[in-house]
N, C-alpha and C. Protein backbone atom coordinates (compact mmCIF):
# COMPACT_ATOMS: atom_id res chain seq x y z
N GLN A 1 9.41 -5.70 -11.33
CA GLN A 1 9.90 -4.93 -10.19
C GLN A 1 8.86 -3.90 -9.77
N LEU A 2 8.65 -3.79 -8.45
CA LEU A 2 7.71 -2.83 -7.91
C LEU A 2 8.51 -1.75 -7.17
N GLN A 3 8.22 -0.51 -7.48
CA GLN A 3 8.94 0.62 -6.88
C GLN A 3 7.95 1.48 -6.12
N ALA A 4 8.08 1.47 -4.79
CA ALA A 4 7.20 2.29 -3.95
C ALA A 4 7.86 3.64 -3.70
N SER A 5 7.05 4.68 -3.65
CA SER A 5 7.55 6.02 -3.39
C SER A 5 6.46 6.84 -2.72
N GLY A 6 6.84 8.02 -2.25
CA GLY A 6 5.88 8.95 -1.67
C GLY A 6 5.91 9.06 -0.17
N GLY A 7 6.72 8.25 0.48
CA GLY A 7 6.82 8.34 1.93
C GLY A 7 7.53 9.61 2.36
N GLY A 8 7.48 9.87 3.65
CA GLY A 8 8.13 11.05 4.19
C GLY A 8 7.70 11.32 5.60
N LEU A 9 8.05 12.52 6.08
CA LEU A 9 7.70 12.95 7.42
C LEU A 9 6.50 13.89 7.34
N VAL A 10 5.50 13.61 8.15
CA VAL A 10 4.28 14.43 8.15
C VAL A 10 3.78 14.55 9.58
N GLN A 11 3.12 15.66 9.88
CA GLN A 11 2.54 15.82 11.20
C GLN A 11 1.24 15.05 11.32
N ALA A 12 0.89 14.71 12.53
CA ALA A 12 -0.38 14.04 12.78
C ALA A 12 -1.52 14.87 12.20
N GLY A 13 -2.45 14.17 11.54
CA GLY A 13 -3.56 14.85 10.88
C GLY A 13 -3.28 15.17 9.42
N GLY A 14 -2.05 15.02 9.00
CA GLY A 14 -1.68 15.32 7.63
C GLY A 14 -1.96 14.18 6.68
N SER A 15 -1.53 14.38 5.42
CA SER A 15 -1.81 13.41 4.36
C SER A 15 -0.54 13.11 3.56
N LEU A 16 -0.52 11.93 3.00
CA LEU A 16 0.51 11.52 2.06
C LEU A 16 -0.13 10.63 1.02
N ARG A 17 0.45 10.60 -0.17
CA ARG A 17 0.00 9.65 -1.19
C ARG A 17 1.20 8.82 -1.62
N LEU A 18 1.06 7.53 -1.42
CA LEU A 18 2.09 6.59 -1.84
C LEU A 18 1.77 6.09 -3.24
N SER A 19 2.83 5.83 -3.99
CA SER A 19 2.68 5.25 -5.32
C SER A 19 3.51 3.98 -5.41
N CYS A 20 3.04 3.07 -6.21
CA CYS A 20 3.77 1.82 -6.46
C CYS A 20 3.74 1.60 -7.97
N ALA A 21 4.87 1.80 -8.60
CA ALA A 21 4.97 1.67 -10.05
C ALA A 21 5.65 0.35 -10.39
N ALA A 22 5.06 -0.36 -11.32
CA ALA A 22 5.61 -1.63 -11.76
C ALA A 22 6.40 -1.43 -13.04
N SER A 23 7.52 -2.10 -13.13
CA SER A 23 8.33 -2.07 -14.35
C SER A 23 8.76 -3.49 -14.68
N GLY A 24 8.93 -3.74 -15.94
CA GLY A 24 9.37 -5.06 -16.36
C GLY A 24 8.26 -6.06 -16.52
N ARG A 25 7.11 -5.76 -15.96
CA ARG A 25 5.94 -6.62 -16.13
C ARG A 25 4.70 -5.78 -15.94
N THR A 26 3.62 -6.23 -16.54
CA THR A 26 2.36 -5.54 -16.32
C THR A 26 1.65 -6.17 -15.12
N VAL A 27 1.07 -5.34 -14.30
CA VAL A 27 0.36 -5.83 -13.12
C VAL A 27 -1.14 -5.68 -13.26
N SER A 28 -1.59 -5.40 -14.49
CA SER A 28 -3.02 -5.15 -14.68
C SER A 28 -3.87 -6.37 -14.36
N SER A 29 -3.28 -7.56 -14.38
CA SER A 29 -4.05 -8.76 -14.06
C SER A 29 -3.83 -9.23 -12.62
N TYR A 30 -3.09 -8.46 -11.84
CA TYR A 30 -2.77 -8.82 -10.47
C TYR A 30 -3.62 -8.02 -9.49
N ALA A 31 -3.97 -8.66 -8.40
CA ALA A 31 -4.45 -7.91 -7.25
C ALA A 31 -3.23 -7.23 -6.62
N MET A 32 -3.42 -6.01 -6.15
CA MET A 32 -2.31 -5.26 -5.57
C MET A 32 -2.65 -4.88 -4.13
N GLY A 33 -1.63 -4.85 -3.30
CA GLY A 33 -1.88 -4.53 -1.90
C GLY A 33 -0.79 -3.67 -1.30
N TRP A 34 -1.14 -3.04 -0.20
CA TRP A 34 -0.19 -2.30 0.62
C TRP A 34 -0.13 -2.96 1.99
N PHE A 35 1.08 -3.11 2.47
CA PHE A 35 1.34 -3.66 3.80
C PHE A 35 2.28 -2.69 4.51
N ARG A 36 2.38 -2.82 5.81
CA ARG A 36 3.31 -1.97 6.53
C ARG A 36 3.98 -2.74 7.65
N GLN A 37 5.15 -2.25 8.01
CA GLN A 37 5.89 -2.90 9.09
C GLN A 37 6.54 -1.83 9.95
N ALA A 38 6.12 -1.79 11.20
CA ALA A 38 6.69 -0.87 12.16
C ALA A 38 7.86 -1.56 12.86
N PRO A 39 8.78 -0.80 13.43
CA PRO A 39 9.93 -1.40 14.11
C PRO A 39 9.50 -2.38 15.19
N GLY A 40 10.07 -3.56 15.15
CA GLY A 40 9.78 -4.58 16.15
C GLY A 40 8.46 -5.29 15.98
N LYS A 41 7.76 -4.99 14.89
CA LYS A 41 6.46 -5.62 14.66
C LYS A 41 6.46 -6.40 13.36
N GLU A 42 5.48 -7.27 13.23
CA GLU A 42 5.34 -8.04 12.00
C GLU A 42 4.72 -7.18 10.90
N ARG A 43 4.96 -7.58 9.67
CA ARG A 43 4.34 -6.90 8.54
C ARG A 43 2.84 -7.16 8.58
N GLU A 44 2.05 -6.11 8.38
CA GLU A 44 0.60 -6.25 8.47
C GLU A 44 -0.09 -5.68 7.24
N PHE A 45 -1.23 -6.22 6.96
CA PHE A 45 -2.05 -5.80 5.83
C PHE A 45 -2.64 -4.42 6.08
N VAL A 46 -2.63 -3.59 5.03
CA VAL A 46 -3.23 -2.26 5.11
C VAL A 46 -4.43 -2.14 4.17
N ALA A 47 -4.21 -2.42 2.88
CA ALA A 47 -5.28 -2.26 1.90
C ALA A 47 -4.94 -3.10 0.67
N ALA A 48 -5.97 -3.46 -0.08
CA ALA A 48 -5.77 -4.23 -1.30
C ALA A 48 -6.85 -3.88 -2.30
N ILE A 49 -6.55 -4.10 -3.56
CA ILE A 49 -7.48 -3.80 -4.64
C ILE A 49 -7.38 -4.89 -5.70
N ASN A 50 -8.53 -5.28 -6.23
CA ASN A 50 -8.48 -6.33 -7.23
C ASN A 50 -7.99 -5.79 -8.57
N TRP A 51 -7.87 -6.67 -9.56
CA TRP A 51 -7.21 -6.27 -10.81
C TRP A 51 -7.97 -5.16 -11.54
N SER A 52 -9.28 -5.15 -11.44
CA SER A 52 -10.06 -4.17 -12.18
C SER A 52 -10.31 -2.89 -11.39
N GLY A 53 -10.03 -2.91 -10.10
CA GLY A 53 -10.32 -1.76 -9.26
C GLY A 53 -11.74 -1.72 -8.75
N SER A 54 -12.48 -2.80 -8.93
CA SER A 54 -13.88 -2.81 -8.53
C SER A 54 -14.07 -3.25 -7.07
N ARG A 55 -13.02 -3.81 -6.48
CA ARG A 55 -13.12 -4.25 -5.09
C ARG A 55 -11.90 -3.80 -4.32
N MET A 56 -12.16 -3.17 -3.16
CA MET A 56 -11.08 -2.78 -2.28
C MET A 56 -11.32 -3.36 -0.89
N ASP A 57 -10.25 -3.75 -0.24
CA ASP A 57 -10.33 -4.24 1.13
C ASP A 57 -9.38 -3.40 2.00
N TYR A 58 -9.82 -3.15 3.22
CA TYR A 58 -9.02 -2.33 4.12
C TYR A 58 -8.92 -2.97 5.50
N ALA A 59 -7.79 -2.76 6.14
CA ALA A 59 -7.68 -3.12 7.55
C ALA A 59 -8.57 -2.17 8.34
N ASP A 60 -9.11 -2.66 9.42
CA ASP A 60 -10.03 -1.85 10.22
C ASP A 60 -9.39 -0.54 10.68
N PHE A 61 -8.10 -0.57 10.95
CA PHE A 61 -7.47 0.61 11.53
C PHE A 61 -7.24 1.72 10.51
N VAL A 62 -7.51 1.48 9.21
CA VAL A 62 -7.36 2.54 8.22
C VAL A 62 -8.68 2.88 7.51
N LYS A 63 -9.72 2.16 7.81
CA LYS A 63 -11.00 2.43 7.15
C LYS A 63 -11.45 3.86 7.41
N GLY A 64 -11.84 4.52 6.34
CA GLY A 64 -12.29 5.90 6.44
C GLY A 64 -11.16 6.91 6.36
N ARG A 65 -9.92 6.44 6.41
CA ARG A 65 -8.77 7.36 6.35
C ARG A 65 -7.92 7.13 5.11
N PHE A 66 -7.75 5.88 4.70
CA PHE A 66 -6.90 5.52 3.57
C PHE A 66 -7.77 5.07 2.40
N THR A 67 -7.28 5.34 1.19
CA THR A 67 -7.96 4.90 -0.02
C THR A 67 -6.94 4.32 -0.99
N ILE A 68 -7.20 3.11 -1.43
CA ILE A 68 -6.35 2.47 -2.42
C ILE A 68 -7.00 2.62 -3.80
N SER A 69 -6.17 2.84 -4.80
CA SER A 69 -6.67 2.95 -6.17
C SER A 69 -5.58 2.47 -7.12
N ARG A 70 -5.96 2.31 -8.37
CA ARG A 70 -4.98 1.85 -9.35
C ARG A 70 -5.26 2.48 -10.70
N ASP A 71 -4.20 2.59 -11.49
CA ASP A 71 -4.30 3.06 -12.88
C ASP A 71 -3.56 2.02 -13.71
N ASN A 72 -4.29 1.11 -14.30
CA ASN A 72 -3.64 0.02 -15.05
C ASN A 72 -2.92 0.53 -16.29
N ALA A 73 -3.38 1.63 -16.84
CA ALA A 73 -2.70 2.20 -18.01
C ALA A 73 -1.30 2.68 -17.64
N LYS A 74 -1.13 3.09 -16.38
CA LYS A 74 0.18 3.54 -15.90
C LYS A 74 0.91 2.46 -15.10
N ASN A 75 0.27 1.30 -14.96
CA ASN A 75 0.90 0.21 -14.23
C ASN A 75 1.27 0.64 -12.80
N THR A 76 0.37 1.39 -12.18
CA THR A 76 0.66 2.01 -10.89
C THR A 76 -0.53 1.86 -9.94
N VAL A 77 -0.19 1.67 -8.67
CA VAL A 77 -1.18 1.60 -7.60
C VAL A 77 -0.87 2.72 -6.60
N TYR A 78 -1.91 3.27 -6.02
CA TYR A 78 -1.75 4.38 -5.10
C TYR A 78 -2.37 4.07 -3.73
N LEU A 79 -1.86 4.74 -2.73
CA LEU A 79 -2.48 4.69 -1.40
C LEU A 79 -2.55 6.12 -0.88
N GLN A 80 -3.75 6.67 -0.87
CA GLN A 80 -3.97 7.99 -0.32
C GLN A 80 -4.21 7.85 1.17
N MET A 81 -3.38 8.50 1.95
CA MET A 81 -3.46 8.38 3.41
C MET A 81 -3.80 9.74 4.00
N ASN A 82 -4.96 9.83 4.62
CA ASN A 82 -5.42 11.06 5.26
C ASN A 82 -5.53 10.86 6.77
N SER A 83 -5.60 11.94 7.48
CA SER A 83 -5.77 11.90 8.94
C SER A 83 -4.75 10.97 9.58
N LEU A 84 -3.52 11.14 9.19
CA LEU A 84 -2.46 10.26 9.68
C LEU A 84 -2.25 10.40 11.17
N LYS A 85 -1.90 9.28 11.79
CA LYS A 85 -1.66 9.22 13.22
C LYS A 85 -0.23 8.74 13.47
N PRO A 86 0.32 9.07 14.62
CA PRO A 86 1.68 8.58 14.92
C PRO A 86 1.81 7.06 14.81
N GLU A 87 0.75 6.35 15.14
CA GLU A 87 0.81 4.88 15.06
C GLU A 87 0.80 4.36 13.62
N ASP A 88 0.64 5.26 12.64
CA ASP A 88 0.77 4.86 11.24
C ASP A 88 2.22 4.84 10.78
N THR A 89 3.12 5.27 11.64
CA THR A 89 4.54 5.27 11.30
C THR A 89 5.03 3.86 11.03
N ALA A 90 5.60 3.66 9.85
CA ALA A 90 6.05 2.33 9.44
C ALA A 90 6.70 2.44 8.06
N VAL A 91 7.33 1.36 7.66
CA VAL A 91 7.73 1.21 6.26
C VAL A 91 6.56 0.57 5.54
N TYR A 92 6.15 1.20 4.46
CA TYR A 92 5.01 0.73 3.68
C TYR A 92 5.52 0.02 2.44
N TYR A 93 4.99 -1.16 2.20
CA TYR A 93 5.38 -1.99 1.07
C TYR A 93 4.17 -2.23 0.17
N CYS A 94 4.43 -2.24 -1.14
CA CYS A 94 3.39 -2.68 -2.06
C CYS A 94 3.70 -4.11 -2.49
N ALA A 95 2.66 -4.82 -2.85
CA ALA A 95 2.80 -6.22 -3.23
C ALA A 95 1.80 -6.56 -4.31
N ALA A 96 2.15 -7.57 -5.09
CA ALA A 96 1.28 -8.04 -6.16
C ALA A 96 0.96 -9.51 -5.94
N LYS A 97 -0.29 -9.86 -6.21
CA LYS A 97 -0.73 -11.24 -6.06
C LYS A 97 -1.52 -11.62 -7.29
N GLY A 98 -1.11 -12.69 -7.96
CA GLY A 98 -1.85 -13.17 -9.11
C GLY A 98 -3.21 -13.66 -8.70
N GLY A 99 -4.22 -13.30 -9.44
CA GLY A 99 -5.57 -13.77 -9.14
C GLY A 99 -6.31 -12.84 -8.18
N ARG A 100 -7.01 -13.42 -7.24
CA ARG A 100 -7.88 -12.63 -6.37
C ARG A 100 -7.09 -11.96 -5.25
N VAL A 101 -7.77 -11.05 -4.56
CA VAL A 101 -7.15 -10.36 -3.43
C VAL A 101 -6.87 -11.35 -2.31
N VAL A 102 -5.67 -11.28 -1.79
CA VAL A 102 -5.27 -12.08 -0.63
C VAL A 102 -4.60 -11.13 0.35
N VAL A 103 -5.04 -11.13 1.59
CA VAL A 103 -4.53 -10.14 2.55
C VAL A 103 -3.40 -10.69 3.41
N THR A 104 -2.98 -11.90 3.14
CA THR A 104 -1.90 -12.51 3.91
C THR A 104 -0.56 -12.16 3.28
N ALA A 105 0.33 -11.56 4.07
CA ALA A 105 1.60 -11.08 3.53
C ALA A 105 2.43 -12.22 2.91
N THR A 106 2.44 -13.35 3.55
CA THR A 106 3.30 -14.45 3.10
C THR A 106 2.83 -15.08 1.79
N LEU A 107 1.63 -14.74 1.35
CA LEU A 107 1.09 -15.33 0.13
C LEU A 107 1.22 -14.41 -1.09
N GLN A 108 1.82 -13.25 -0.94
CA GLN A 108 2.00 -12.35 -2.07
C GLN A 108 3.08 -12.89 -3.00
N ASP A 109 2.97 -12.55 -4.28
CA ASP A 109 3.91 -13.05 -5.27
C ASP A 109 5.13 -12.14 -5.44
N TYR A 110 4.92 -10.85 -5.38
CA TYR A 110 6.01 -9.90 -5.59
C TYR A 110 5.91 -8.77 -4.58
N TRP A 111 7.08 -8.22 -4.22
CA TRP A 111 7.15 -7.13 -3.25
C TRP A 111 7.97 -5.97 -3.80
N GLY A 112 7.56 -4.75 -3.41
CA GLY A 112 8.38 -3.59 -3.65
C GLY A 112 9.36 -3.43 -2.50
N GLN A 113 10.20 -2.40 -2.59
CA GLN A 113 11.28 -2.25 -1.62
C GLN A 113 10.87 -1.49 -0.36
N GLY A 114 9.72 -0.86 -0.35
CA GLY A 114 9.26 -0.15 0.83
C GLY A 114 9.58 1.33 0.81
N THR A 115 8.70 2.10 1.43
CA THR A 115 8.91 3.53 1.59
C THR A 115 8.52 3.92 3.01
N LEU A 116 9.35 4.72 3.67
CA LEU A 116 9.16 5.03 5.08
C LEU A 116 8.19 6.19 5.26
N VAL A 117 7.21 5.97 6.10
CA VAL A 117 6.27 7.01 6.50
C VAL A 117 6.46 7.28 7.99
N THR A 118 6.72 8.51 8.33
CA THR A 118 6.90 8.90 9.72
C THR A 118 5.89 9.99 10.06
N VAL A 119 5.08 9.74 11.07
CA VAL A 119 4.05 10.69 11.49
C VAL A 119 4.43 11.21 12.87
N SER A 120 4.66 12.51 12.95
CA SER A 120 5.04 13.11 14.23
C SER A 120 3.80 13.61 14.97
N SER A 121 3.87 13.56 16.28
CA SER A 121 2.72 14.00 17.11
C SER A 121 2.79 15.49 17.41
């Protein structure tokens, strides 16, 4: 089970850190990713990190603003979000994928329940 947390209401330009804690299984051998879904839109890729933390991938619209990281000892993945914009408003989901990083939402193996991020202008 993946439990996402850390969402909330923040003003434009502010920061939030999302966490995704795994329970019941270890995710140290999984690539982990963050996706988001805004109202009326499809779920989209945000960021991903390989099992060791040596490779990170980002969607173009978050490069330079968001940072994904992981702590395998804590079975947790993080998403540090800086310089938030109103268009970042969405429900953010974490996901696990066995093997290499895959940025396609439909190919993930496990999903968390999502945490809402709202950025006011």
